Every structure is written in structure tokens, then in C-alpha cells.
Amino acid sequence: MSSIARTLSLAALALGTAALGACGGGSGAPGSGSLSINMADTPVDNATAVVVDFTGIELHNTNGTMVNINFPAAKQIDLLKLQNGVTGALTQGESVPAGSYDWMRLDVLANKDTQGQSYITLSTGAQYPLYIPSGAETGLKLVSPFTVAQGSTTQLIIDFNLRQSVTSTDGQNYMLVPALRLENQLQVGTLAVNVDLAALTTQQLGSGTQVSQCKGGLFLFSGATATPQNGGGSGLIDFEPIPYDGTTTQVSLSIPYVATGSYTVAATCNYDLYDPAAVLGQTGYQSLHWTVQDNVSVTAAGTATVTVPSSTTSNLLN
């Protein structure tokens, strides 16, 4: 199974906004708090729409009870319109019991080979159903604890990484195995990365190599000293291509909604060889060149700036 990022060529995607409604709301009853959930997305290459049909939200309280938020009608949301810091409101000010919750489930309609539900549209104009395994039965489950305080609003954000999630076996059947992150919006920051593509090309591919030969990709791994690898592994947070317009070799990228903590940033000129399904030690695994910046600290509401390559970066082939 190959990823969309590999079977389709890279393309720029238009930005927009989208909103998602929920039933209920109000100021809340005694013993309750308010919950707002927003959505964001990392784009998928050469698709013009990735639409998911949402029908509601289920919250699991640590005391064993369930809270159900059912939408009056299914909402078809184009995740590709939620990029570069743009978010869509899944629910705003929803009254829920105060307390601790250990997981959340997004209810969706995404059955295999079923029209009129979730779907993907390619830049060619072709549209195909988008299948989420067990989606219709069990939804999209996010196991990440959060607390709703009495009398206040808890603001959460769900980040979809579509490049890591959308796959196709034959270019006609598309499956979404979501890579999701659930974060508290008050405990996230932004990562800004300045890439010198000319220096990166020389460092990884050798002196005299043309910048156009560097298929640049930027990766973010959890942990201060993570070892980047093809396939990403469990520590992969985000990845995206480093664009080159044929002229400008100084490129700036931004990754929003990164939880506070320590991270490893890695850039490669072998993005065309990256395979989300690659496993170290297995047949077909290809080693990539990496330029690595360790110990990147992200603080709440702050912006961590990294330059790649720099005097503090290291290099490896893995």
C-alpha cells in the first residue's frame, strides 16, 4: 500500500475556512463546564478536497459515563480548507458535565464503496469514496486525557495529518487511517523553520549538485533527541514537503498547534523516497539523509525558530 504523498505529485493547495456545527449549547447547568473543539489539518498532495462526514461526538468520562453530542444532520467537512493555522469549529460552548475525560470519539460516515458519504477529489477532478476502516461502527477514537472545569470553557484542537493518513492501493480506492492529535489550545505553540535549500543540497547530495535535485522534506519528531527514519515511527508528529520555486533557496515553513515540550526537527533531500509504511530492517526500507536539529523547545503561545542547516545541526544517514 502506497501513500498519496508518494503516488501523487506535490501541488500547492488553496486555503479557506470551514465550520462544523453541533447540537446543544447554552450557558450550562450547575456542575457543568463548556467545551469547544476546533479542527486543523496538514494537507495531502495533489488532492483538492478531502471531505469527511461527521455525525457527532462521544466523550468518555473517567467515571465510566458517556456524553453524546449528536449533530441534527451529518456535516460534510473539507479538511483541506483547514490549513496553516486555519481551524474549523467542531463544536463551540457545548455544555458538558465537568470532570476528567480519557478519550473522545468522532462519529463519521465513511463506508467502503459508498457514494454520498466521505470522499476525496483529486486535482484531475476525479472523485472517489473515502473509506475509514471501522469508521461507521466505531468512529475516530482519540485517546488523550482532558479536563472540563466547572464554569469555564475547555478549548481543544484536533489536528489531522492527511499526508500520513490517506492511502490508495490502485489509484481508485482511497482509505483514511487517521493520524490525529488532540491538544489543549492553551498549551500549544508554533514551530517556525527556515531552510537553506542550497546548503542542504550541498550537505546531503554533494558539492556541485543542483538545488532542483533536492526533494526537500521537513519532519517533526517528539523528544529532544529522536532519531529520524523512513516511515517516521511512533514519534512522528508532522511532515511536509519543502517547496522550491526554481529560484528562491531560502524557504520558511510553519507548523502550528504543537504541544508544549521538546522536539527533534529533521530535513531531508530524499522526500521522494519517504514511505509512511517503511519499517526499519524490513525488505524495501530505504535509508534517507537527514540534517537534524535536537532539543527544540516549544512553549505555550510561543514560536520556536529553527534554521536548517546551521552550526548546531548534525547529519546522518538512516
Protein backbone atom coordinates (compact mmCIF):
# COMPACT_ATOMS: atom_id res chain seq x y z
CA MET A 1 0.00 0.00 0.00
CA SER A 2 1.47 3.35 -1.02
CA SER A 3 0.76 6.76 0.42
CA ILE A 4 -0.90 9.57 -1.50
CA ALA A 5 2.18 11.70 -0.87
CA ARG A 6 4.16 9.24 -2.98
CA THR A 7 1.67 8.24 -5.69
CA LEU A 8 0.69 11.83 -6.48
CA SER A 9 2.94 14.73 -7.38
CA LEU A 10 3.31 17.67 -4.99
CA ALA A 11 0.93 20.57 -5.53
CA ALA A 12 0.04 23.85 -3.87
CA LEU A 13 -3.41 23.87 -2.27
CA ALA A 14 -5.81 26.78 -1.87
CA LEU A 15 -6.59 27.90 1.68
CA GLY A 16 -10.02 28.58 3.09
CA THR A 17 -12.18 28.17 6.18
CA ALA A 18 -14.87 25.71 7.15
CA ALA A 19 -17.15 25.44 10.16
CA LEU A 20 -18.77 22.42 11.71
CA GLY A 21 -21.88 22.76 13.86
CA ALA A 22 -23.13 20.73 16.80
CA CYS A 23 -26.44 20.47 18.55
CA GLY A 24 -26.96 21.75 22.07
CA GLY A 25 -25.05 24.59 23.67
CA GLY A 26 -26.10 27.23 26.15
CA SER A 27 -24.58 28.55 29.34
CA GLY A 28 -24.56 25.16 31.04
CA ALA A 29 -26.21 23.72 34.15
CA PRO A 30 -24.73 23.58 37.67
CA GLY A 31 -21.86 21.11 37.76
CA SER A 32 -21.15 21.59 34.10
CA GLY A 33 -18.50 23.24 32.02
CA SER A 34 -18.19 24.37 28.43
CA LEU A 35 -16.34 22.53 25.68
CA SER A 36 -15.10 23.98 22.39
CA ILE A 37 -13.42 21.70 19.84
CA ASN A 38 -11.69 23.02 16.74
CA MET A 39 -10.12 21.15 13.84
CA ALA A 40 -6.99 21.72 11.77
CA ASP A 41 -5.19 19.80 9.05
CA THR A 42 -1.90 19.04 7.39
CA PRO A 43 -2.65 18.82 3.64
CA VAL A 44 -2.36 15.86 1.31
CA ASP A 45 -0.56 16.25 -2.00
CA ASN A 46 -2.47 16.86 -5.24
CA ALA A 47 -5.95 16.43 -3.79
CA THR A 48 -8.39 19.35 -4.00
CA ALA A 49 -10.81 18.08 -1.37
CA VAL A 50 -10.82 15.52 1.44
CA VAL A 51 -14.36 15.55 2.81
CA VAL A 52 -15.36 13.64 5.92
CA ASP A 53 -18.96 13.18 7.03
CA PHE A 54 -19.26 13.88 10.78
CA THR A 55 -22.43 12.92 12.66
CA GLY A 56 -21.48 13.60 16.28
CA ILE A 57 -19.01 13.36 19.16
CA GLU A 58 -18.78 10.92 22.07
CA LEU A 59 -16.84 11.76 25.24
CA HIS A 60 -15.83 9.13 27.80
CA ASN A 61 -15.66 10.36 31.38
CA THR A 62 -13.13 8.64 33.65
CA ASN A 63 -16.08 7.73 35.92
CA GLY A 64 -17.32 5.45 33.15
CA THR A 65 -20.18 7.58 31.86
CA MET A 66 -20.58 8.69 28.25
CA VAL A 67 -21.54 12.11 26.92
CA ASN A 68 -23.03 12.15 23.43
CA ILE A 69 -23.21 15.23 21.20
CA ASN A 70 -25.35 14.36 18.18
CA PHE A 71 -25.48 16.66 15.18
CA PRO A 72 -29.03 17.21 13.84
CA ALA A 73 -27.72 16.31 10.35
CA ALA A 74 -24.46 14.90 9.03
CA LYS A 75 -21.89 17.61 8.27
CA GLN A 76 -19.58 17.16 5.29
CA ILE A 77 -16.35 18.99 6.14
CA ASP A 78 -13.49 19.54 3.70
CA LEU A 79 -10.37 19.04 5.81
CA LEU A 80 -8.17 20.62 3.14
CA LYS A 81 -9.67 24.00 3.96
CA LEU A 82 -8.21 23.79 7.46
CA GLN A 83 -4.52 24.58 6.96
CA ASN A 84 -1.73 26.94 8.02
CA GLY A 85 -3.38 27.88 11.30
CA VAL A 86 -6.94 27.99 9.94
CA THR A 87 -9.37 25.98 12.07
CA GLY A 88 -12.98 24.90 11.80
CA ALA A 89 -15.32 24.75 14.78
CA LEU A 90 -16.48 21.23 15.52
CA THR A 91 -18.48 22.46 18.49
CA GLN A 92 -18.42 25.74 20.42
CA GLY A 93 -19.55 26.29 24.01
CA GLU A 94 -21.17 22.87 24.28
CA SER A 95 -22.45 22.24 27.82
CA VAL A 96 -20.97 19.00 29.20
CA PRO A 97 -20.55 17.65 32.73
CA ALA A 98 -17.43 18.97 34.44
CA GLY A 99 -14.80 16.35 35.11
CA SER A 100 -11.95 14.33 33.66
CA TYR A 101 -12.25 12.58 30.30
CA ASP A 102 -9.88 9.95 28.95
CA TRP A 103 -10.97 9.64 25.32
CA MET A 104 -13.12 11.12 22.60
CA ARG A 105 -14.72 9.56 19.53
CA LEU A 106 -15.74 11.39 16.35
CA ASP A 107 -18.70 9.66 14.69
CA VAL A 108 -18.38 9.56 10.90
CA LEU A 109 -20.00 8.13 7.79
CA ALA A 110 -17.27 6.54 5.69
CA ASN A 111 -18.31 3.12 4.44
CA LYS A 112 -16.38 1.32 1.71
CA ASP A 113 -17.53 1.93 -1.88
CA THR A 114 -20.39 4.13 -0.69
CA GLN A 115 -21.30 7.33 -2.52
CA GLY A 116 -22.79 10.32 -0.72
CA GLN A 117 -20.61 9.98 2.36
CA SER A 118 -16.92 10.84 2.89
CA TYR A 119 -14.91 11.31 -0.30
CA ILE A 120 -11.70 12.57 -1.88
CA THR A 121 -11.39 14.73 -5.01
CA LEU A 122 -8.11 14.70 -6.95
CA SER A 123 -6.68 17.58 -8.95
CA THR A 124 -7.78 15.72 -12.08
CA GLY A 125 -11.39 16.23 -10.99
CA ALA A 126 -11.91 12.54 -10.26
CA GLN A 127 -13.86 11.86 -7.06
CA TYR A 128 -13.79 8.64 -5.05
CA PRO A 129 -15.41 7.43 -1.82
CA LEU A 130 -13.14 7.72 1.21
CA TYR A 131 -13.21 4.62 3.38
CA ILE A 132 -12.36 4.75 7.07
CA PRO A 133 -11.91 1.20 8.43
CA SER A 134 -14.49 0.61 11.19
CA GLY A 135 -15.37 4.30 10.89
CA ALA A 136 -19.11 3.82 10.69
CA GLU A 137 -19.08 1.34 13.58
CA THR A 138 -16.50 2.79 15.98
CA GLY A 139 -15.72 6.29 14.69
CA LEU A 140 -12.37 8.05 15.00
CA LYS A 141 -11.11 7.50 18.54
CA LEU A 142 -8.64 9.89 20.17
CA VAL A 143 -7.17 8.57 23.40
CA SER A 144 -5.87 11.73 25.03
CA PRO A 145 -6.98 12.85 28.51
CA PHE A 146 -8.52 16.29 29.06
CA THR A 147 -10.44 18.05 31.81
CA VAL A 148 -13.55 20.20 31.63
CA ALA A 149 -13.57 22.59 34.58
CA GLN A 150 -16.84 23.69 36.13
CA GLY A 151 -17.98 27.11 34.95
CA SER A 152 -15.23 27.56 32.38
CA THR A 153 -14.53 26.67 28.74
CA THR A 154 -12.04 24.00 27.72
CA GLN A 155 -10.68 24.63 24.22
CA LEU A 156 -9.34 21.62 22.32
CA ILE A 157 -7.95 21.27 18.82
CA ILE A 158 -7.87 18.14 16.68
CA ASP A 159 -5.12 18.05 14.07
CA PHE A 160 -5.47 15.66 11.12
CA ASN A 161 -2.27 14.71 9.29
CA LEU A 162 -3.70 13.71 5.92
CA ARG A 163 -0.31 13.08 4.30
CA GLN A 164 0.23 10.37 6.87
CA SER A 165 -3.33 9.10 6.71
CA VAL A 166 -4.65 8.83 3.14
CA THR A 167 -3.59 5.79 1.15
CA SER A 168 -4.61 4.09 -2.08
CA THR A 169 -3.94 0.61 -3.39
CA ASP A 170 -4.83 1.27 -7.02
CA GLY A 171 -5.48 4.99 -7.50
CA GLN A 172 -9.25 4.47 -7.29
CA ASN A 173 -9.91 3.10 -3.82
CA TYR A 174 -8.90 5.51 -1.05
CA MET A 175 -8.66 4.77 2.64
CA LEU A 176 -8.23 7.17 5.54
CA VAL A 177 -6.43 5.68 8.54
CA PRO A 178 -6.34 8.90 10.51
CA ALA A 179 -3.24 10.20 12.23
CA LEU A 180 -4.86 12.52 14.77
CA ARG A 181 -3.61 14.71 17.59
CA LEU A 182 -5.82 16.14 20.31
CA GLU A 183 -4.33 19.19 22.04
CA ASN A 184 -5.39 21.85 24.52
CA GLN A 185 -5.36 25.14 22.58
CA LEU A 186 -3.93 26.93 25.60
CA GLN A 187 -0.95 24.55 25.68
CA VAL A 188 0.32 24.71 22.11
CA GLY A 189 2.89 26.81 20.29
CA THR A 190 4.24 27.21 16.77
CA LEU A 191 7.39 25.90 15.14
CA ALA A 192 8.99 28.16 12.50
CA VAL A 193 11.71 26.57 10.37
CA ASN A 194 14.00 28.45 7.99
CA VAL A 195 15.56 26.12 5.43
CA ASP A 196 18.58 26.96 3.28
CA LEU A 197 17.92 24.60 0.38
CA ALA A 198 21.24 25.36 -1.32
CA ALA A 199 23.22 24.47 1.81
CA LEU A 200 21.01 21.44 2.48
CA THR A 201 21.58 20.18 -1.08
CA THR A 202 25.36 20.55 -0.87
CA GLN A 203 25.47 18.94 2.57
CA GLN A 204 23.39 15.90 1.68
CA LEU A 205 23.94 15.38 -2.06
CA GLY A 206 27.43 16.76 -2.55
CA SER A 207 29.16 19.84 -3.94
CA GLY A 208 28.01 20.86 -7.42
CA THR A 209 24.57 19.25 -7.06
CA GLN A 210 21.70 21.37 -8.35
CA VAL A 211 19.11 22.51 -5.81
CA SER A 212 16.39 21.08 -8.04
CA GLN A 213 17.79 17.62 -7.28
CA CYS A 214 16.94 18.03 -3.59
CA LYS A 215 13.45 16.68 -2.97
CA GLY A 216 13.11 18.51 0.30
CA GLY A 217 11.01 17.31 3.20
CA LEU A 218 10.68 18.59 6.77
CA PHE A 219 9.86 16.27 9.67
CA LEU A 220 9.00 16.86 13.33
CA PHE A 221 9.59 14.13 15.91
CA SER A 222 8.63 14.09 19.58
CA GLY A 223 11.50 14.04 22.04
CA ALA A 224 14.62 16.16 22.37
CA THR A 225 16.94 13.57 20.79
CA ALA A 226 14.79 11.43 18.49
CA THR A 227 16.41 9.50 15.63
CA PRO A 228 14.60 10.25 12.35
CA GLN A 229 13.94 7.38 9.98
CA ASN A 230 11.97 6.46 6.89
CA GLY A 231 8.43 5.58 7.94
CA GLY A 232 8.59 8.05 10.81
CA GLY A 233 7.87 5.66 13.65
CA SER A 234 5.64 6.35 16.63
CA GLY A 235 7.43 9.62 17.40
CA LEU A 236 6.49 11.33 14.13
CA ILE A 237 4.35 14.42 14.75
CA ASP A 238 4.23 16.12 11.37
CA PHE A 239 5.90 16.19 7.96
CA GLU A 240 5.57 18.22 4.79
CA PRO A 241 7.47 18.98 1.58
CA ILE A 242 9.90 21.88 1.40
CA PRO A 243 8.78 23.85 -1.69
CA TYR A 244 11.27 25.06 -4.30
CA ASP A 245 10.13 27.50 -6.98
CA GLY A 246 13.25 27.16 -9.10
CA THR A 247 14.73 30.42 -7.83
CA THR A 248 14.36 31.04 -4.09
CA THR A 249 16.55 28.78 -1.96
CA GLN A 250 15.60 30.36 1.39
CA VAL A 251 12.34 28.74 2.46
CA SER A 252 10.31 29.38 5.60
CA LEU A 253 7.77 26.89 6.92
CA SER A 254 5.47 26.98 9.92
CA ILE A 255 3.91 24.14 11.91
CA PRO A 256 1.14 25.37 14.22
CA TYR A 257 -0.57 23.68 17.17
CA VAL A 258 2.47 21.87 18.51
CA ALA A 259 2.05 20.80 22.14
CA THR A 260 4.48 22.27 24.66
CA GLY A 261 7.55 20.07 25.02
CA SER A 262 10.84 19.08 23.43
CA TYR A 263 11.21 18.02 19.80
CA THR A 264 13.64 16.98 17.07
CA VAL A 265 13.47 18.69 13.68
CA ALA A 266 14.87 16.86 10.65
CA ALA A 267 15.17 17.85 6.98
CA THR A 268 15.92 15.54 4.07
CA CYS A 269 16.62 15.81 0.33
CA ASN A 270 15.14 12.32 -0.09
CA TYR A 271 11.48 13.19 0.47
CA ASP A 272 10.62 11.40 -2.78
CA LEU A 273 11.81 8.16 -1.15
CA TYR A 274 9.83 8.66 2.06
CA ASP A 275 7.26 5.93 2.69
CA PRO A 276 4.96 6.13 5.75
CA ALA A 277 4.73 2.32 5.69
CA ALA A 278 8.51 1.74 5.72
CA VAL A 279 9.83 -0.26 8.68
CA LEU A 280 13.50 -0.30 9.63
CA GLY A 281 15.03 -3.71 8.98
CA GLN A 282 12.31 -4.92 6.62
CA THR A 283 12.63 -5.54 2.88
CA GLY A 284 12.26 -2.39 0.80
CA TYR A 285 13.31 0.01 3.56
CA GLN A 286 15.42 2.84 2.15
CA SER A 287 17.79 4.92 4.24
CA LEU A 288 17.42 8.71 3.96
CA HIS A 289 19.87 11.55 4.51
CA TRP A 290 18.89 13.71 7.47
CA THR A 291 20.01 17.08 8.77
CA VAL A 292 18.90 17.12 12.40
CA GLN A 293 18.29 19.82 15.00
CA ASP A 294 17.89 18.39 18.50
CA ASN A 295 16.48 19.98 21.65
CA VAL A 296 13.84 22.23 20.12
CA SER A 297 11.63 23.56 22.89
CA VAL A 298 8.05 24.66 22.19
CA THR A 299 6.26 26.80 24.77
CA ALA A 300 2.59 27.74 25.12
CA ALA A 301 1.61 30.56 22.72
CA GLY A 302 5.27 30.91 21.72
CA THR A 303 7.14 30.45 18.44
CA ALA A 304 10.27 28.29 18.35
CA THR A 305 12.52 29.23 15.42
CA VAL A 306 14.95 26.75 13.86
CA THR A 307 17.43 27.21 11.00
CA VAL A 308 18.40 24.18 8.88
CA PRO A 309 21.24 23.56 8.30
CA SER A 310 23.14 25.54 10.92
CA SER A 311 26.17 25.24 13.18
CA THR A 312 24.03 23.32 15.68
CA THR A 313 22.60 20.72 13.28
CA SER A 314 24.01 17.22 12.82
CA ASN A 315 23.90 14.85 9.86
CA LEU A 316 23.17 11.16 9.49
CA LEU A 317 22.13 8.51 7.01
CA ASN A 318 19.39 6.31 8.41
